[in-house]
Amino acid sequence: MYSYYKGYMENKPRFAVEPFSASIDYSAQSLADENDFRERYMKELRKKRQQGINNYFGIDELLEERRQVNQQQMKTPGRRGEIIKHEEIDKEILRRLKKEAQI
């Protein structure tokens, strides 16, 4: 493991796990890619059907998509793609509820 001399360890607390710092690329290209991904995923979500809206009683495709994203997030936690998908699913559900409330 690591060898520390006594004076160093007296002043520093021990951590069971090293601190994690995610390296996120904020370059213009990565932001453009993220926006492109959001737009494509938003269009895909608008095609999915949801129970209770327009009297559709089949499989709730929007909730099924959320379940799949949750399962993928459990397998590979911390991926930016799954975080974006959750945000976009939430936005789509809110958009549909607002649209339904206006009618």
N, C-alpha and C. Protein backbone atom coordinates (compact mmCIF):
# COMPACT_ATOMS: atom_id res chain seq x y z
N MET A 1 0.84 -1.18 0.00
CA MET A 1 0.00 0.00 0.00
C MET A 1 0.88 1.24 0.00
N TYR A 2 0.47 2.29 0.64
CA TYR A 2 1.24 3.53 0.70
C TYR A 2 2.05 3.57 1.99
N SER A 3 3.19 4.17 1.92
CA SER A 3 3.97 4.35 3.14
C SER A 3 4.00 5.84 3.46
N TYR A 4 3.51 6.16 4.63
CA TYR A 4 3.48 7.54 5.08
C TYR A 4 4.37 7.67 6.30
N TYR A 5 5.06 8.75 6.40
CA TYR A 5 5.81 8.97 7.64
C TYR A 5 4.87 9.57 8.67
N LYS A 6 5.20 9.40 9.90
CA LYS A 6 4.29 9.71 11.01
C LYS A 6 3.82 11.17 11.03
N GLY A 7 4.70 12.10 10.75
CA GLY A 7 4.32 13.51 10.79
C GLY A 7 3.28 13.87 9.75
N TYR A 8 3.31 13.23 8.61
CA TYR A 8 2.33 13.50 7.55
C TYR A 8 0.94 13.02 7.96
N MET A 9 0.86 11.85 8.54
CA MET A 9 -0.43 11.26 8.87
C MET A 9 -1.11 11.95 10.06
N GLU A 10 -0.34 12.59 10.93
CA GLU A 10 -0.96 13.25 12.08
C GLU A 10 -1.83 14.43 11.65
N ASN A 11 -1.47 15.08 10.55
CA ASN A 11 -2.20 16.27 10.11
C ASN A 11 -3.27 15.98 9.06
N LYS A 12 -3.22 14.86 8.41
CA LYS A 12 -4.14 14.56 7.32
C LYS A 12 -5.12 13.47 7.73
N PRO A 13 -6.43 13.66 7.49
CA PRO A 13 -7.39 12.60 7.78
C PRO A 13 -7.27 11.48 6.76
N ARG A 14 -7.64 10.28 7.16
CA ARG A 14 -7.61 9.14 6.25
C ARG A 14 -8.97 8.99 5.58
N PHE A 15 -8.95 8.65 4.31
CA PHE A 15 -10.17 8.39 3.57
C PHE A 15 -10.19 6.94 3.15
N ALA A 16 -11.33 6.29 3.33
CA ALA A 16 -11.45 4.90 2.90
C ALA A 16 -11.43 4.82 1.38
N VAL A 17 -11.97 5.83 0.75
CA VAL A 17 -12.02 5.90 -0.71
C VAL A 17 -11.41 7.22 -1.12
N GLU A 18 -10.62 7.19 -2.14
CA GLU A 18 -10.03 8.42 -2.64
C GLU A 18 -11.12 9.33 -3.19
N PRO A 19 -11.01 10.63 -3.01
CA PRO A 19 -12.03 11.55 -3.57
C PRO A 19 -12.13 11.39 -5.08
N PHE A 20 -13.36 11.39 -5.57
CA PHE A 20 -13.61 11.21 -7.00
C PHE A 20 -13.90 12.57 -7.64
N SER A 21 -13.22 12.84 -8.71
CA SER A 21 -13.51 14.06 -9.45
C SER A 21 -13.74 13.67 -10.90
N ALA A 22 -14.95 13.90 -11.37
CA ALA A 22 -15.28 13.57 -12.76
C ALA A 22 -14.69 14.63 -13.66
N SER A 23 -14.05 14.17 -14.70
CA SER A 23 -13.50 15.11 -15.65
C SER A 23 -14.54 15.31 -16.76
N ILE A 24 -15.15 16.45 -16.77
CA ILE A 24 -16.18 16.76 -17.74
C ILE A 24 -15.58 17.72 -18.76
N ASP A 25 -15.77 17.38 -20.01
CA ASP A 25 -15.23 18.20 -21.08
C ASP A 25 -16.25 19.27 -21.45
N TYR A 26 -15.91 20.53 -21.21
CA TYR A 26 -16.82 21.64 -21.50
C TYR A 26 -16.43 22.38 -22.77
N SER A 27 -15.78 21.70 -23.67
CA SER A 27 -15.38 22.37 -24.90
C SER A 27 -16.61 22.63 -25.77
N ALA A 28 -16.45 23.47 -26.75
CA ALA A 28 -17.57 23.83 -27.62
C ALA A 28 -18.08 22.61 -28.38
N GLN A 29 -17.18 21.72 -28.78
CA GLN A 29 -17.58 20.53 -29.53
C GLN A 29 -18.42 19.60 -28.65
N SER A 30 -18.02 19.41 -27.39
CA SER A 30 -18.77 18.51 -26.53
C SER A 30 -20.15 19.09 -26.21
N LEU A 31 -20.23 20.41 -26.03
CA LEU A 31 -21.53 21.03 -25.78
C LEU A 31 -22.43 20.94 -27.00
N ALA A 32 -21.86 21.09 -28.18
CA ALA A 32 -22.65 20.95 -29.41
C ALA A 32 -23.14 19.50 -29.56
N ASP A 33 -22.27 18.54 -29.22
CA ASP A 33 -22.67 17.14 -29.28
C ASP A 33 -23.80 16.84 -28.30
N GLU A 34 -23.69 17.41 -27.10
CA GLU A 34 -24.72 17.20 -26.09
C GLU A 34 -26.05 17.79 -26.53
N ASN A 35 -26.03 18.99 -27.10
CA ASN A 35 -27.26 19.61 -27.58
C ASN A 35 -27.86 18.81 -28.72
N ASP A 36 -27.02 18.29 -29.61
CA ASP A 36 -27.50 17.46 -30.70
C ASP A 36 -28.16 16.18 -30.16
N PHE A 37 -27.51 15.57 -29.16
CA PHE A 37 -28.07 14.37 -28.53
C PHE A 37 -29.42 14.67 -27.89
N ARG A 38 -29.52 15.80 -27.19
CA ARG A 38 -30.78 16.19 -26.55
C ARG A 38 -31.89 16.36 -27.58
N GLU A 39 -31.58 17.03 -28.69
CA GLU A 39 -32.59 17.27 -29.73
C GLU A 39 -33.08 15.95 -30.33
N ARG A 40 -32.15 15.05 -30.65
CA ARG A 40 -32.54 13.77 -31.24
C ARG A 40 -33.36 12.93 -30.26
N TYR A 41 -32.96 12.93 -28.99
CA TYR A 41 -33.67 12.14 -27.98
C TYR A 41 -35.06 12.74 -27.71
N MET A 42 -35.17 14.06 -27.72
CA MET A 42 -36.46 14.71 -27.52
C MET A 42 -37.43 14.34 -28.65
N LYS A 43 -36.95 14.31 -29.89
CA LYS A 43 -37.81 13.92 -31.00
C LYS A 43 -38.25 12.47 -30.87
N GLU A 44 -37.34 11.62 -30.39
CA GLU A 44 -37.67 10.21 -30.20
C GLU A 44 -38.72 10.04 -29.11
N LEU A 45 -38.61 10.82 -28.04
CA LEU A 45 -39.58 10.72 -26.94
C LEU A 45 -40.96 11.20 -27.36
N ARG A 46 -41.03 12.19 -28.22
CA ARG A 46 -42.34 12.70 -28.66
C ARG A 46 -43.12 11.68 -29.46
N LYS A 47 -42.42 10.69 -30.03
CA LYS A 47 -43.09 9.63 -30.79
C LYS A 47 -43.68 8.57 -29.89
N LYS A 48 -43.23 8.49 -28.65
CA LYS A 48 -43.67 7.44 -27.73
C LYS A 48 -45.05 7.77 -27.17
N ARG A 49 -45.83 6.71 -26.98
CA ARG A 49 -47.19 6.89 -26.49
C ARG A 49 -47.22 6.72 -24.97
N GLN A 50 -48.24 7.35 -24.37
CA GLN A 50 -48.38 7.33 -22.92
C GLN A 50 -49.82 7.01 -22.57
N GLN A 51 -50.01 6.20 -21.53
CA GLN A 51 -51.37 5.86 -21.10
C GLN A 51 -52.08 7.08 -20.56
N GLY A 52 -53.40 7.12 -20.78
CA GLY A 52 -54.20 8.20 -20.22
C GLY A 52 -54.27 9.43 -21.09
N ILE A 53 -53.40 9.55 -22.05
CA ILE A 53 -53.44 10.69 -22.96
C ILE A 53 -53.99 10.19 -24.30
N ASN A 54 -55.00 10.83 -24.80
CA ASN A 54 -55.68 10.45 -26.03
C ASN A 54 -56.26 9.04 -25.94
N ASN A 55 -56.66 8.63 -24.72
CA ASN A 55 -57.33 7.35 -24.49
C ASN A 55 -56.54 6.16 -25.02
N TYR A 56 -55.23 6.17 -24.81
CA TYR A 56 -54.38 5.05 -25.21
C TYR A 56 -54.24 4.13 -24.01
N PHE A 57 -54.60 2.84 -24.17
CA PHE A 57 -54.59 1.89 -23.06
C PHE A 57 -53.57 0.77 -23.25
N GLY A 58 -52.62 0.94 -24.13
CA GLY A 58 -51.58 -0.08 -24.33
C GLY A 58 -50.42 0.13 -23.37
N ILE A 59 -49.28 -0.36 -23.76
CA ILE A 59 -48.08 -0.23 -22.94
C ILE A 59 -47.66 1.24 -22.89
N ASP A 60 -47.35 1.71 -21.70
CA ASP A 60 -46.91 3.09 -21.53
C ASP A 60 -45.44 3.16 -21.96
N GLU A 61 -45.21 3.58 -23.19
CA GLU A 61 -43.88 3.55 -23.77
C GLU A 61 -42.92 4.54 -23.09
N LEU A 62 -43.45 5.63 -22.59
CA LEU A 62 -42.61 6.63 -21.92
C LEU A 62 -42.08 6.10 -20.59
N LEU A 63 -42.95 5.45 -19.81
CA LEU A 63 -42.49 4.86 -18.55
C LEU A 63 -41.58 3.66 -18.79
N GLU A 64 -41.82 2.92 -19.85
CA GLU A 64 -40.94 1.81 -20.20
C GLU A 64 -39.54 2.32 -20.55
N GLU A 65 -39.48 3.44 -21.23
CA GLU A 65 -38.19 4.06 -21.56
C GLU A 65 -37.47 4.47 -20.28
N ARG A 66 -38.21 5.02 -19.31
CA ARG A 66 -37.60 5.42 -18.03
C ARG A 66 -37.05 4.19 -17.30
N ARG A 67 -37.79 3.08 -17.33
CA ARG A 67 -37.30 1.86 -16.68
C ARG A 67 -36.00 1.38 -17.32
N GLN A 68 -35.93 1.42 -18.64
CA GLN A 68 -34.72 0.99 -19.34
C GLN A 68 -33.54 1.89 -18.99
N VAL A 69 -33.78 3.19 -18.90
CA VAL A 69 -32.71 4.12 -18.55
C VAL A 69 -32.25 3.86 -17.11
N ASN A 70 -33.18 3.58 -16.20
CA ASN A 70 -32.82 3.27 -14.82
C ASN A 70 -31.97 2.01 -14.74
N GLN A 71 -32.33 0.98 -15.51
CA GLN A 71 -31.56 -0.25 -15.51
C GLN A 71 -30.15 -0.01 -16.05
N GLN A 72 -30.06 0.76 -17.12
CA GLN A 72 -28.75 1.06 -17.70
C GLN A 72 -27.91 1.89 -16.73
N GLN A 73 -28.55 2.78 -15.99
CA GLN A 73 -27.83 3.61 -15.04
C GLN A 73 -27.30 2.79 -13.87
N MET A 74 -28.01 1.73 -13.49
CA MET A 74 -27.52 0.86 -12.43
C MET A 74 -26.29 0.08 -12.90
N LYS A 75 -26.26 -0.27 -14.19
CA LYS A 75 -25.12 -1.01 -14.73
C LYS A 75 -23.90 -0.11 -14.88
N THR A 76 -24.11 1.10 -15.35
CA THR A 76 -22.99 2.04 -15.59
C THR A 76 -23.34 3.38 -14.97
N PRO A 77 -23.16 3.53 -13.65
CA PRO A 77 -23.53 4.78 -12.99
C PRO A 77 -22.62 5.94 -13.38
N GLY A 78 -23.19 7.14 -13.37
CA GLY A 78 -22.40 8.34 -13.60
C GLY A 78 -22.22 8.74 -15.05
N ARG A 79 -22.81 8.01 -15.97
CA ARG A 79 -22.66 8.38 -17.38
C ARG A 79 -23.55 9.56 -17.70
N ARG A 80 -23.03 10.52 -18.43
CA ARG A 80 -23.74 11.74 -18.76
C ARG A 80 -24.98 11.47 -19.61
N GLY A 81 -24.92 10.45 -20.47
CA GLY A 81 -26.04 10.14 -21.35
C GLY A 81 -27.30 9.78 -20.60
N GLU A 82 -27.16 8.95 -19.55
CA GLU A 82 -28.34 8.56 -18.78
C GLU A 82 -28.90 9.75 -18.00
N ILE A 83 -28.03 10.63 -17.53
CA ILE A 83 -28.49 11.82 -16.81
C ILE A 83 -29.30 12.71 -17.75
N ILE A 84 -28.80 12.89 -18.97
CA ILE A 84 -29.52 13.69 -19.97
C ILE A 84 -30.85 13.04 -20.31
N LYS A 85 -30.87 11.72 -20.45
CA LYS A 85 -32.12 11.03 -20.77
C LYS A 85 -33.16 11.24 -19.68
N HIS A 86 -32.75 11.15 -18.41
CA HIS A 86 -33.69 11.40 -17.31
C HIS A 86 -34.26 12.81 -17.40
N GLU A 87 -33.39 13.79 -17.65
CA GLU A 87 -33.85 15.17 -17.75
C GLU A 87 -34.84 15.33 -18.90
N GLU A 88 -34.56 14.73 -20.03
CA GLU A 88 -35.44 14.88 -21.19
C GLU A 88 -36.77 14.15 -20.99
N ILE A 89 -36.76 13.00 -20.32
CA ILE A 89 -38.01 12.29 -20.03
C ILE A 89 -38.88 13.14 -19.10
N ASP A 90 -38.26 13.73 -18.09
CA ASP A 90 -39.01 14.62 -17.18
C ASP A 90 -39.61 15.80 -17.93
N LYS A 91 -38.84 16.42 -18.81
CA LYS A 91 -39.33 17.55 -19.59
C LYS A 91 -40.50 17.13 -20.49
N GLU A 92 -40.40 15.94 -21.09
CA GLU A 92 -41.46 15.48 -21.98
C GLU A 92 -42.74 15.20 -21.21
N ILE A 93 -42.64 14.59 -20.03
CA ILE A 93 -43.82 14.33 -19.22
C ILE A 93 -44.47 15.64 -18.80
N LEU A 94 -43.66 16.61 -18.38
CA LEU A 94 -44.22 17.92 -18.00
C LEU A 94 -44.86 18.62 -19.20
N ARG A 95 -44.24 18.53 -20.35
CA ARG A 95 -44.80 19.14 -21.56
C ARG A 95 -46.18 18.54 -21.87
N ARG A 96 -46.29 17.22 -21.74
CA ARG A 96 -47.57 16.57 -22.03
C ARG A 96 -48.64 16.93 -20.99
N LEU A 97 -48.22 17.02 -19.72
CA LEU A 97 -49.19 17.40 -18.69
C LEU A 97 -49.69 18.83 -18.87
N LYS A 98 -48.79 19.74 -19.23
CA LYS A 98 -49.20 21.13 -19.49
C LYS A 98 -50.14 21.21 -20.68
N LYS A 99 -49.81 20.43 -21.71
CA LYS A 99 -50.65 20.43 -22.91
C LYS A 99 -52.04 19.87 -22.59
N GLU A 100 -52.09 18.83 -21.77
CA GLU A 100 -53.37 18.24 -21.39
C GLU A 100 -54.18 19.17 -20.51
N ALA A 101 -53.49 19.94 -19.64
CA ALA A 101 -54.19 20.86 -18.75
C ALA A 101 -54.78 22.05 -19.52
N GLN A 102 -54.17 22.42 -20.63
CA GLN A 102 -54.67 23.55 -21.43
C GLN A 102 -55.92 23.18 -22.20
N ILE A 103 -56.11 21.91 -22.45
CA ILE A 103 -57.27 21.47 -23.23
C ILE A 103 -58.53 21.48 -22.44
